[in-house]
Amino acid sequence: MLHILNKPPYSEAAQQMLSTASAGDSVLLIEDAVQAVLHSDWQGWRAVGEQIFLLKEDAASRGLLFLAATIGAKVVDMDGFVALTEHNTNIISWY
């Protein structure tokens, strides 16, 4: 399952998403959700970890692309976004 989150990491939407995400799920952080790279203590890094992706364009527009690379966050461009949606049969958007 792919979870697409556009709200900041400590928002109600993010908390709801984390309560439903399970092992093997992927999370794509878009828009304000890319701010998660500013919070190393965010629960999502532990809960989902390796399957969290940031949308490159949104991270770049917020000046977070360098930080994302520094912490080793996985970054995908629009083609990567499309690939994630093609790879996952179930998609939930958290807005």
PDB file of N, CA and C in Angstrom:
ATOM      1  N   MET A   1       0.847  -1.171   0.000  1.00  0.00           N
ATOM      2  CA  MET A   1       0.000   0.000   0.000  1.00  0.00           C
ATOM      3  C   MET A   1       0.892   1.235   0.000  1.00  0.00           C
ATOM      4  N   LEU A   2       0.469   2.244  -0.730  1.00  0.00           N
ATOM      5  CA  LEU A   2       1.170   3.525  -0.771  1.00  0.00           C
ATOM      6  C   LEU A   2       0.338   4.560  -0.029  1.00  0.00           C
ATOM      7  N   HIS A   3       0.970   5.218   0.938  1.00  0.00           N
ATOM      8  CA  HIS A   3       0.348   6.318   1.672  1.00  0.00           C
ATOM      9  C   HIS A   3       0.983   7.600   1.166  1.00  0.00           C
ATOM     10  N   ILE A   4       0.154   8.551   0.736  1.00  0.00           N
ATOM     11  CA  ILE A   4       0.655   9.845   0.277  1.00  0.00           C
ATOM     12  C   ILE A   4       0.220  10.892   1.295  1.00  0.00           C
ATOM     13  N   LEU A   5       1.207  11.534   1.914  1.00  0.00           N
ATOM     14  CA  LEU A   5       0.934  12.515   2.968  1.00  0.00           C
ATOM     15  C   LEU A   5       1.373  13.890   2.504  1.00  0.00           C
ATOM     16  N   ASN A   6       0.482  14.886   2.675  1.00  0.00           N
ATOM     17  CA  ASN A   6       0.862  16.249   2.306  1.00  0.00           C
ATOM     18  C   ASN A   6       0.869  17.208   3.493  1.00  0.00           C
ATOM     19  N   LYS A   7       0.587  16.728   4.683  1.00  0.00           N
ATOM     20  CA  LYS A   7       0.561  17.573   5.884  1.00  0.00           C
ATOM     21  C   LYS A   7       1.861  17.425   6.665  1.00  0.00           C
ATOM     22  N   PRO A   8       2.209  18.414   7.510  1.00  0.00           N
ATOM     23  CA  PRO A   8       3.438  18.339   8.302  1.00  0.00           C
ATOM     24  C   PRO A   8       3.490  17.070   9.155  1.00  0.00           C
ATOM     25  N   PRO A   9       4.683  16.656   9.554  1.00  0.00           N
ATOM     26  CA  PRO A   9       4.858  15.379  10.237  1.00  0.00           C
ATOM     27  C   PRO A   9       4.139  15.236  11.578  1.00  0.00           C
ATOM     28  N   TYR A  10       3.823  16.323  12.244  1.00  0.00           N
ATOM     29  CA  TYR A  10       3.138  16.201  13.538  1.00  0.00           C
ATOM     30  C   TYR A  10       1.662  16.589  13.453  1.00  0.00           C
ATOM     31  N   SER A  11       1.125  16.599  12.246  1.00  0.00           N
ATOM     32  CA  SER A  11      -0.288  16.925  12.048  1.00  0.00           C
ATOM     33  C   SER A  11      -1.168  15.722  12.387  1.00  0.00           C
ATOM     34  N   GLU A  12      -2.454  15.983  12.510  1.00  0.00           N
ATOM     35  CA  GLU A  12      -3.411  14.909  12.773  1.00  0.00           C
ATOM     36  C   GLU A  12      -3.420  13.900  11.619  1.00  0.00           C
ATOM     37  N   ALA A  13      -3.328  14.396  10.394  1.00  0.00           N
ATOM     38  CA  ALA A  13      -3.313  13.505   9.225  1.00  0.00           C
ATOM     39  C   ALA A  13      -2.104  12.575   9.272  1.00  0.00           C
ATOM     40  N   ALA A  14      -0.951  13.111   9.664  1.00  0.00           N
ATOM     41  CA  ALA A  14       0.261  12.283   9.761  1.00  0.00           C
ATOM     42  C   ALA A  14       0.108  11.218  10.841  1.00  0.00           C
ATOM     43  N   GLN A  15      -0.483  11.596  11.964  1.00  0.00           N
ATOM     44  CA  GLN A  15      -0.681  10.627  13.048  1.00  0.00           C
ATOM     45  C   GLN A  15      -1.654   9.528  12.621  1.00  0.00           C
ATOM     46  N   GLN A  16      -2.710   9.905  11.926  1.00  0.00           N
ATOM     47  CA  GLN A  16      -3.664   8.905  11.436  1.00  0.00           C
ATOM     48  C   GLN A  16      -3.003   7.974  10.424  1.00  0.00           C
ATOM     49  N   MET A  17      -2.194   8.535   9.552  1.00  0.00           N
ATOM     50  CA  MET A  17      -1.496   7.727   8.567  1.00  0.00           C
ATOM     51  C   MET A  17      -0.585   6.714   9.245  1.00  0.00           C
ATOM     52  N   LEU A  18       0.166   7.172  10.241  1.00  0.00           N
ATOM     53  CA  LEU A  18       1.079   6.272  10.933  1.00  0.00           C
ATOM     54  C   LEU A  18       0.341   5.175  11.691  1.00  0.00           C
ATOM     55  N   SER A  19      -0.856   5.480  12.164  1.00  0.00           N
ATOM     56  CA  SER A  19      -1.610   4.461  12.906  1.00  0.00           C
ATOM     57  C   SER A  19      -2.151   3.369  11.985  1.00  0.00           C
ATOM     58  N   THR A  20      -2.221   3.642  10.688  1.00  0.00           N
ATOM     59  CA  THR A  20      -2.735   2.630   9.766  1.00  0.00           C
ATOM     60  C   THR A  20      -1.645   1.990   8.908  1.00  0.00           C
ATOM     61  N   ALA A  21      -0.484   2.618   8.800  1.00  0.00           N
ATOM     62  CA  ALA A  21       0.602   2.059   7.993  1.00  0.00           C
ATOM     63  C   ALA A  21       1.113   0.778   8.641  1.00  0.00           C
ATOM     64  N   SER A  22       1.435  -0.182   7.813  1.00  0.00           N
ATOM     65  CA  SER A  22       1.954  -1.448   8.328  1.00  0.00           C
ATOM     66  C   SER A  22       3.218  -1.845   7.586  1.00  0.00           C
ATOM     67  N   ALA A  23       3.863  -2.884   8.058  1.00  0.00           N
ATOM     68  CA  ALA A  23       5.106  -3.356   7.446  1.00  0.00           C
ATOM     69  C   ALA A  23       4.884  -3.619   5.964  1.00  0.00           C
ATOM     70  N   GLY A  24       5.813  -3.190   5.165  1.00  0.00           N
ATOM     71  CA  GLY A  24       5.710  -3.379   3.729  1.00  0.00           C
ATOM     72  C   GLY A  24       5.048  -2.234   2.993  1.00  0.00           C
ATOM     73  N   ASP A  25       4.405  -1.317   3.726  1.00  0.00           N
ATOM     74  CA  ASP A  25       3.788  -0.156   3.097  1.00  0.00           C
ATOM     75  C   ASP A  25       4.860   0.862   2.733  1.00  0.00           C
ATOM     76  N   SER A  26       4.556   1.693   1.753  1.00  0.00           N
ATOM     77  CA  SER A  26       5.425   2.800   1.369  1.00  0.00           C
ATOM     78  C   SER A  26       4.714   4.101   1.704  1.00  0.00           C
ATOM     79  N   VAL A  27       5.507   5.126   1.998  1.00  0.00           N
ATOM     80  CA  VAL A  27       4.968   6.451   2.303  1.00  0.00           C
ATOM     81  C   VAL A  27       5.667   7.458   1.404  1.00  0.00           C
ATOM     82  N   LEU A  28       4.880   8.280   0.731  1.00  0.00           N
ATOM     83  CA  LEU A  28       5.422   9.359  -0.085  1.00  0.00           C
ATOM     84  C   LEU A  28       5.057  10.674   0.585  1.00  0.00           C
ATOM     85  N   LEU A  29       6.066  11.431   0.963  1.00  0.00           N
ATOM     86  CA  LEU A  29       5.857  12.733   1.588  1.00  0.00           C
ATOM     87  C   LEU A  29       5.910  13.802   0.504  1.00  0.00           C
ATOM     88  N   ILE A  30       4.818  14.567   0.405  1.00  0.00           N
ATOM     89  CA  ILE A  30       4.733  15.634  -0.579  1.00  0.00           C
ATOM     90  C   ILE A  30       4.367  16.940   0.130  1.00  0.00           C
ATOM     91  N   GLU A  31       4.494  18.031  -0.580  1.00  0.00           N
ATOM     92  CA  GLU A  31       4.116  19.352  -0.075  1.00  0.00           C
ATOM     93  C   GLU A  31       4.709  19.576   1.317  1.00  0.00           C
ATOM     94  N   ASP A  32       3.908  19.958   2.325  1.00  0.00           N
ATOM     95  CA  ASP A  32       4.433  20.269   3.661  1.00  0.00           C
ATOM     96  C   ASP A  32       4.944  19.051   4.420  1.00  0.00           C
ATOM     97  N   ALA A  33       4.607  17.864   3.977  1.00  0.00           N
ATOM     98  CA  ALA A  33       5.075  16.659   4.668  1.00  0.00           C
ATOM     99  C   ALA A  33       6.581  16.458   4.542  1.00  0.00           C
ATOM    100  N   VAL A  34       7.210  17.065   3.510  1.00  0.00           N
ATOM    101  CA  VAL A  34       8.655  16.907   3.370  1.00  0.00           C
ATOM    102  C   VAL A  34       9.406  17.542   4.534  1.00  0.00           C
ATOM    103  N   GLN A  35       8.726  18.343   5.347  1.00  0.00           N
ATOM    104  CA  GLN A  35       9.339  18.940   6.534  1.00  0.00           C
ATOM    105  C   GLN A  35       9.778  17.883   7.536  1.00  0.00           C
ATOM    106  N   ALA A  36       9.387  16.650   7.323  1.00  0.00           N
ATOM    107  CA  ALA A  36       9.793  15.562   8.219  1.00  0.00           C
ATOM    108  C   ALA A  36      11.311  15.446   8.296  1.00  0.00           C
ATOM    109  N   VAL A  37      12.033  15.859   7.263  1.00  0.00           N
ATOM    110  CA  VAL A  37      13.498  15.777   7.315  1.00  0.00           C
ATOM    111  C   VAL A  37      14.073  16.697   8.388  1.00  0.00           C
ATOM    112  N   LEU A  38      13.292  17.657   8.841  1.00  0.00           N
ATOM    113  CA  LEU A  38      13.731  18.554   9.917  1.00  0.00           C
ATOM    114  C   LEU A  38      13.570  17.928  11.294  1.00  0.00           C
ATOM    115  N   HIS A  39      12.897  16.780  11.356  1.00  0.00           N
ATOM    116  CA  HIS A  39      12.550  16.160  12.634  1.00  0.00           C
ATOM    117  C   HIS A  39      13.051  14.717  12.673  1.00  0.00           C
ATOM    118  N   SER A  40      14.279  14.534  13.106  1.00  0.00           N
ATOM    119  CA  SER A  40      14.847  13.186  13.160  1.00  0.00           C
ATOM    120  C   SER A  40      14.124  12.298  14.160  1.00  0.00           C
ATOM    121  N   ASP A  41      13.392  12.906  15.087  1.00  0.00           N
ATOM    122  CA  ASP A  41      12.667  12.134  16.090  1.00  0.00           C
ATOM    123  C   ASP A  41      11.238  11.788  15.671  1.00  0.00           C
ATOM    124  N   TRP A  42      10.856  12.151  14.429  1.00  0.00           N
ATOM    125  CA  TRP A  42       9.502  11.847  13.961  1.00  0.00           C
ATOM    126  C   TRP A  42       9.276  10.344  13.961  1.00  0.00           C
ATOM    127  N   GLN A  43       8.180   9.937  14.496  1.00  0.00           N
ATOM    128  CA  GLN A  43       7.821   8.528  14.637  1.00  0.00           C
ATOM    129  C   GLN A  43       7.827   7.784  13.297  1.00  0.00           C
ATOM    130  N   GLY A  44       7.535   8.453  12.217  1.00  0.00           N
ATOM    131  CA  GLY A  44       7.489   7.820  10.903  1.00  0.00           C
ATOM    132  C   GLY A  44       8.799   7.200  10.483  1.00  0.00           C
ATOM    133  N   TRP A  45       9.919   7.824  10.853  1.00  0.00           N
ATOM    134  CA  TRP A  45      11.224   7.265  10.487  1.00  0.00           C
ATOM    135  C   TRP A  45      11.419   5.882  11.105  1.00  0.00           C
ATOM    136  N   ARG A  46      10.904   5.687  12.318  1.00  0.00           N
ATOM    137  CA  ARG A  46      11.025   4.382  12.981  1.00  0.00           C
ATOM    138  C   ARG A  46       9.948   3.426  12.500  1.00  0.00           C
ATOM    139  N   ALA A  47       8.739   3.929  12.300  1.00  0.00           N
ATOM    140  CA  ALA A  47       7.607   3.069  11.951  1.00  0.00           C
ATOM    141  C   ALA A  47       7.697   2.531  10.525  1.00  0.00           C
ATOM    142  N   VAL A  48       8.083   3.369   9.594  1.00  0.00           N
ATOM    143  CA  VAL A  48       8.092   2.965   8.187  1.00  0.00           C
ATOM    144  C   VAL A  48       9.516   2.920   7.637  1.00  0.00           C
ATOM    145  N   GLY A  49      10.377   3.803   8.112  1.00  0.00           N
ATOM    146  CA  GLY A  49      11.798   3.792   7.797  1.00  0.00           C
ATOM    147  C   GLY A  49      12.168   3.797   6.335  1.00  0.00           C
ATOM    148  N   GLU A  50      12.689   2.677   5.868  1.00  0.00           N
ATOM    149  CA  GLU A  50      13.252   2.587   4.523  1.00  0.00           C
ATOM    150  C   GLU A  50      12.244   2.828   3.412  1.00  0.00           C
ATOM    151  N   GLN A  51      10.986   2.756   3.713  1.00  0.00           N
ATOM    152  CA  GLN A  51       9.966   2.894   2.667  1.00  0.00           C
ATOM    153  C   GLN A  51       9.346   4.289   2.634  1.00  0.00           C
ATOM    154  N   ILE A  52      10.056   5.273   3.186  1.00  0.00           N
ATOM    155  CA  ILE A  52       9.596   6.657   3.126  1.00  0.00           C
ATOM    156  C   ILE A  52      10.341   7.363   1.999  1.00  0.00           C
ATOM    157  N   PHE A  53       9.580   8.037   1.157  1.00  0.00           N
ATOM    158  CA  PHE A  53      10.132   8.757   0.022  1.00  0.00           C
ATOM    159  C   PHE A  53       9.677  10.211   0.082  1.00  0.00           C
ATOM    160  N   LEU A  54      10.539  11.122  -0.339  1.00  0.00           N
ATOM    161  CA  LEU A  54      10.198  12.542  -0.426  1.00  0.00           C
ATOM    162  C   LEU A  54      10.125  12.930  -1.894  1.00  0.00           C
ATOM    163  N   LEU A  55       9.155  13.758  -2.221  1.00  0.00           N
ATOM    164  CA  LEU A  55       9.047  14.255  -3.577  1.00  0.00           C
ATOM    165  C   LEU A  55      10.103  15.344  -3.771  1.00  0.00           C
ATOM    166  N   LYS A  56      10.981  15.126  -4.726  1.00  0.00           N
ATOM    167  CA  LYS A  56      12.129  15.996  -4.965  1.00  0.00           C
ATOM    168  C   LYS A  56      11.726  17.452  -5.165  1.00  0.00           C
ATOM    169  N   GLU A  57      10.732  17.691  -5.998  1.00  0.00           N
ATOM    170  CA  GLU A  57      10.326  19.058  -6.306  1.00  0.00           C
ATOM    171  C   GLU A  57       9.855  19.807  -5.056  1.00  0.00           C
ATOM    172  N   ASP A  58       9.134  19.122  -4.171  1.00  0.00           N
ATOM    173  CA  ASP A  58       8.643  19.772  -2.953  1.00  0.00           C
ATOM    174  C   ASP A  58       9.770  20.009  -1.950  1.00  0.00           C
ATOM    175  N   ALA A  59      10.683  19.056  -1.844  1.00  0.00           N
ATOM    176  CA  ALA A  59      11.839  19.241  -0.954  1.00  0.00           C
ATOM    177  C   ALA A  59      12.710  20.386  -1.454  1.00  0.00           C
ATOM    178  N   ALA A  60      12.915  20.454  -2.761  1.00  0.00           N
ATOM    179  CA  ALA A  60      13.740  21.527  -3.339  1.00  0.00           C
ATOM    180  C   ALA A  60      13.091  22.892  -3.136  1.00  0.00           C
ATOM    181  N   SER A  61      11.792  22.975  -3.334  1.00  0.00           N
ATOM    182  CA  SER A  61      11.114  24.271  -3.206  1.00  0.00           C
ATOM    183  C   SER A  61      11.111  24.793  -1.777  1.00  0.00           C
ATOM    184  N   ARG A  62      11.329  23.909  -0.815  1.00  0.00           N
ATOM    185  CA  ARG A  62      11.377  24.308   0.593  1.00  0.00           C
ATOM    186  C   ARG A  62      12.806  24.365   1.133  1.00  0.00           C
ATOM    187  N   GLY A  63      13.775  24.212   0.242  1.00  0.00           N
ATOM    188  CA  GLY A  63      15.177  24.294   0.648  1.00  0.00           C
ATOM    189  C   GLY A  63      15.632  23.105   1.475  1.00  0.00           C
ATOM    190  N   LEU A  64      15.006  21.959   1.313  1.00  0.00           N
ATOM    191  CA  LEU A  64      15.300  20.793   2.146  1.00  0.00           C
ATOM    192  C   LEU A  64      15.995  19.663   1.392  1.00  0.00           C
ATOM    193  N   LEU A  65      16.309  19.878   0.146  1.00  0.00           N
ATOM    194  CA  LEU A  65      16.898  18.811  -0.660  1.00  0.00           C
ATOM    195  C   LEU A  65      18.280  18.405  -0.145  1.00  0.00           C
ATOM    196  N   PHE A  66      19.106  19.373   0.210  1.00  0.00           N
ATOM    197  CA  PHE A  66      20.436  19.064   0.729  1.00  0.00           C
ATOM    198  C   PHE A  66      20.334  18.308   2.050  1.00  0.00           C
ATOM    199  N   LEU A  67      19.452  18.757   2.931  1.00  0.00           N
ATOM    200  CA  LEU A  67      19.278  18.075   4.211  1.00  0.00           C
ATOM    201  C   LEU A  67      18.776  16.652   4.004  1.00  0.00           C
ATOM    202  N   ALA A  68      17.854  16.476   3.066  1.00  0.00           N
ATOM    203  CA  ALA A  68      17.347  15.129   2.775  1.00  0.00           C
ATOM    204  C   ALA A  68      18.487  14.218   2.347  1.00  0.00           C
ATOM    205  N   ALA A  69      19.380  14.718   1.505  1.00  0.00           N
ATOM    206  CA  ALA A  69      20.525  13.922   1.067  1.00  0.00           C
ATOM    207  C   ALA A  69      21.472  13.643   2.228  1.00  0.00           C
ATOM    208  N   THR A  70      21.643  14.625   3.101  1.00  0.00           N
ATOM    209  CA  THR A  70      22.543  14.487   4.241  1.00  0.00           C
ATOM    210  C   THR A  70      22.093  13.380   5.195  1.00  0.00           C
ATOM    211  N   ILE A  71      20.779  13.279   5.405  1.00  0.00           N
ATOM    212  CA  ILE A  71      20.291  12.249   6.340  1.00  0.00           C
ATOM    213  C   ILE A  71      20.000  10.926   5.636  1.00  0.00           C
ATOM    214  N   GLY A  72      20.191  10.902   4.332  1.00  0.00           N
ATOM    215  CA  GLY A  72      19.987   9.664   3.587  1.00  0.00           C
ATOM    216  C   GLY A  72      18.543   9.351   3.253  1.00  0.00           C
ATOM    217  N   ALA A  73      17.695  10.362   3.239  1.00  0.00           N
ATOM    218  CA  ALA A  73      16.290  10.149   2.881  1.00  0.00           C
ATOM    219  C   ALA A  73      16.182   9.816   1.404  1.00  0.00           C
ATOM    220  N   LYS A  74      15.264   8.958   1.075  1.00  0.00           N
ATOM    221  CA  LYS A  74      15.042   8.592  -0.323  1.00  0.00           C
ATOM    222  C   LYS A  74      14.208   9.678  -0.981  1.00  0.00           C
ATOM    223  N   VAL A  75      14.708  10.173  -2.103  1.00  0.00           N
ATOM    224  CA  VAL A  75      14.042  11.250  -2.828  1.00  0.00           C
ATOM    225  C   VAL A  75      13.654  10.731  -4.211  1.00  0.00           C
ATOM    226  N   VAL A  76      12.417  11.015  -4.610  1.00  0.00           N
ATOM    227  CA  VAL A  76      11.957  10.626  -5.938  1.00  0.00           C
ATOM    228  C   VAL A  76      11.442  11.853  -6.684  1.00  0.00           C
ATOM    229  N   ASP A  77      11.632  11.843  -7.993  1.00  0.00           N
ATOM    230  CA  ASP A  77      11.080  12.911  -8.813  1.00  0.00           C
ATOM    231  C   ASP A  77       9.676  12.502  -9.262  1.00  0.00           C
ATOM    232  N   MET A  78       9.095  13.262 -10.173  1.00  0.00           N
ATOM    233  CA  MET A  78       7.731  12.952 -10.614  1.00  0.00           C
ATOM    234  C   MET A  78       7.636  11.576 -11.275  1.00  0.00           C
ATOM    235  N   ASP A  79       8.678  11.184 -12.001  1.00  0.00           N
ATOM    236  CA  ASP A  79       8.677   9.844 -12.588  1.00  0.00           C
ATOM    237  C   ASP A  79       8.685   8.773 -11.495  1.00  0.00           C
ATOM    238  N   GLY A  80       9.418   9.034 -10.423  1.00  0.00           N
ATOM    239  CA  GLY A  80       9.432   8.120  -9.287  1.00  0.00           C
ATOM    240  C   GLY A  80       8.085   8.054  -8.588  1.00  0.00           C
ATOM    241  N   PHE A  81       7.406   9.194  -8.526  1.00  0.00           N
ATOM    242  CA  PHE A  81       6.054   9.258  -7.963  1.00  0.00           C
ATOM    243  C   PHE A  81       5.140   8.340  -8.768  1.00  0.00           C
ATOM    244  N   VAL A  82       5.206   8.463 -10.082  1.00  0.00           N
ATOM    245  CA  VAL A  82       4.379   7.629 -10.950  1.00  0.00           C
ATOM    246  C   VAL A  82       4.725   6.154 -10.756  1.00  0.00           C
ATOM    247  N   ALA A  83       6.023   5.851 -10.662  1.00  0.00           N
ATOM    248  CA  ALA A  83       6.447   4.463 -10.472  1.00  0.00           C
ATOM    249  C   ALA A  83       5.910   3.894  -9.159  1.00  0.00           C
ATOM    250  N   LEU A  84       5.909   4.700  -8.102  1.00  0.00           N
ATOM    251  CA  LEU A  84       5.360   4.240  -6.821  1.00  0.00           C
ATOM    252  C   LEU A  84       3.871   3.930  -6.943  1.00  0.00           C
ATOM    253  N   THR A  85       3.146   4.763  -7.669  1.00  0.00           N
ATOM    254  CA  THR A  85       1.710   4.517  -7.823  1.00  0.00           C
ATOM    255  C   THR A  85       1.453   3.289  -8.686  1.00  0.00           C
ATOM    256  N   GLU A  86       2.323   3.042  -9.656  1.00  0.00           N
ATOM    257  CA  GLU A  86       2.164   1.850 -10.491  1.00  0.00           C
ATOM    258  C   GLU A  86       2.504   0.576  -9.720  1.00  0.00           C
ATOM    259  N   HIS A  87       3.432   0.674  -8.798  1.00  0.00           N
ATOM    260  CA  HIS A  87       3.893  -0.481  -8.032  1.00  0.00           C
ATOM    261  C   HIS A  87       2.901  -0.887  -6.934  1.00  0.00           C
ATOM    262  N   ASN A  88       2.097   0.043  -6.487  1.00  0.00           N
ATOM    263  CA  ASN A  88       1.159  -0.206  -5.381  1.00  0.00           C
ATOM    264  C   ASN A  88      -0.271  -0.217  -5.896  1.00  0.00           C
ATOM    265  N   THR A  89      -0.974  -1.304  -5.637  1.00  0.00           N
ATOM    266  CA  THR A  89      -2.357  -1.398  -6.103  1.00  0.00           C
ATOM    267  C   THR A  89      -3.306  -0.586  -5.234  1.00  0.00           C
ATOM    268  N   ASN A  90      -2.963  -0.409  -3.967  1.00  0.00           N
ATOM    269  CA  ASN A  90      -3.799   0.382  -3.057  1.00  0.00           C
ATOM    270  C   ASN A  90      -3.056   1.651  -2.689  1.00  0.00           C
ATOM    271  N   ILE A  91      -3.769   2.778  -2.805  1.00  0.00           N
ATOM    272  CA  ILE A  91      -3.171   4.084  -2.494  1.00  0.00           C
ATOM    273  C   ILE A  91      -4.138   4.867  -1.620  1.00  0.00           C
ATOM    274  N   ILE A  92      -3.592   5.436  -0.541  1.00  0.00           N
ATOM    275  CA  ILE A  92      -4.400   6.277   0.343  1.00  0.00           C
ATOM    276  C   ILE A  92      -3.715   7.635   0.426  1.00  0.00           C
ATOM    277  N   SER A  93      -4.470   8.696   0.195  1.00  0.00           N
ATOM    278  CA  SER A  93      -3.965  10.057   0.334  1.00  0.00           C
ATOM    279  C   SER A  93      -4.429  10.630   1.660  1.00  0.00           C
ATOM    280  N   TRP A  94      -3.493  11.204   2.392  1.00  0.00           N
ATOM    281  CA  TRP A  94      -3.781  11.798   3.695  1.00  0.00           C
ATOM    282  C   TRP A  94      -3.626  13.315   3.567  1.00  0.00           C
ATOM    283  N   TYR A  95      -4.784  14.016   3.564  1.00  0.00           N
ATOM    284  CA  TYR A  95      -4.813  15.467   3.405  1.00  0.00           C
ATOM    285  C   TYR A  95      -5.484  16.126   4.571  1.00  0.00           C
TER     286      TYR A  95
END
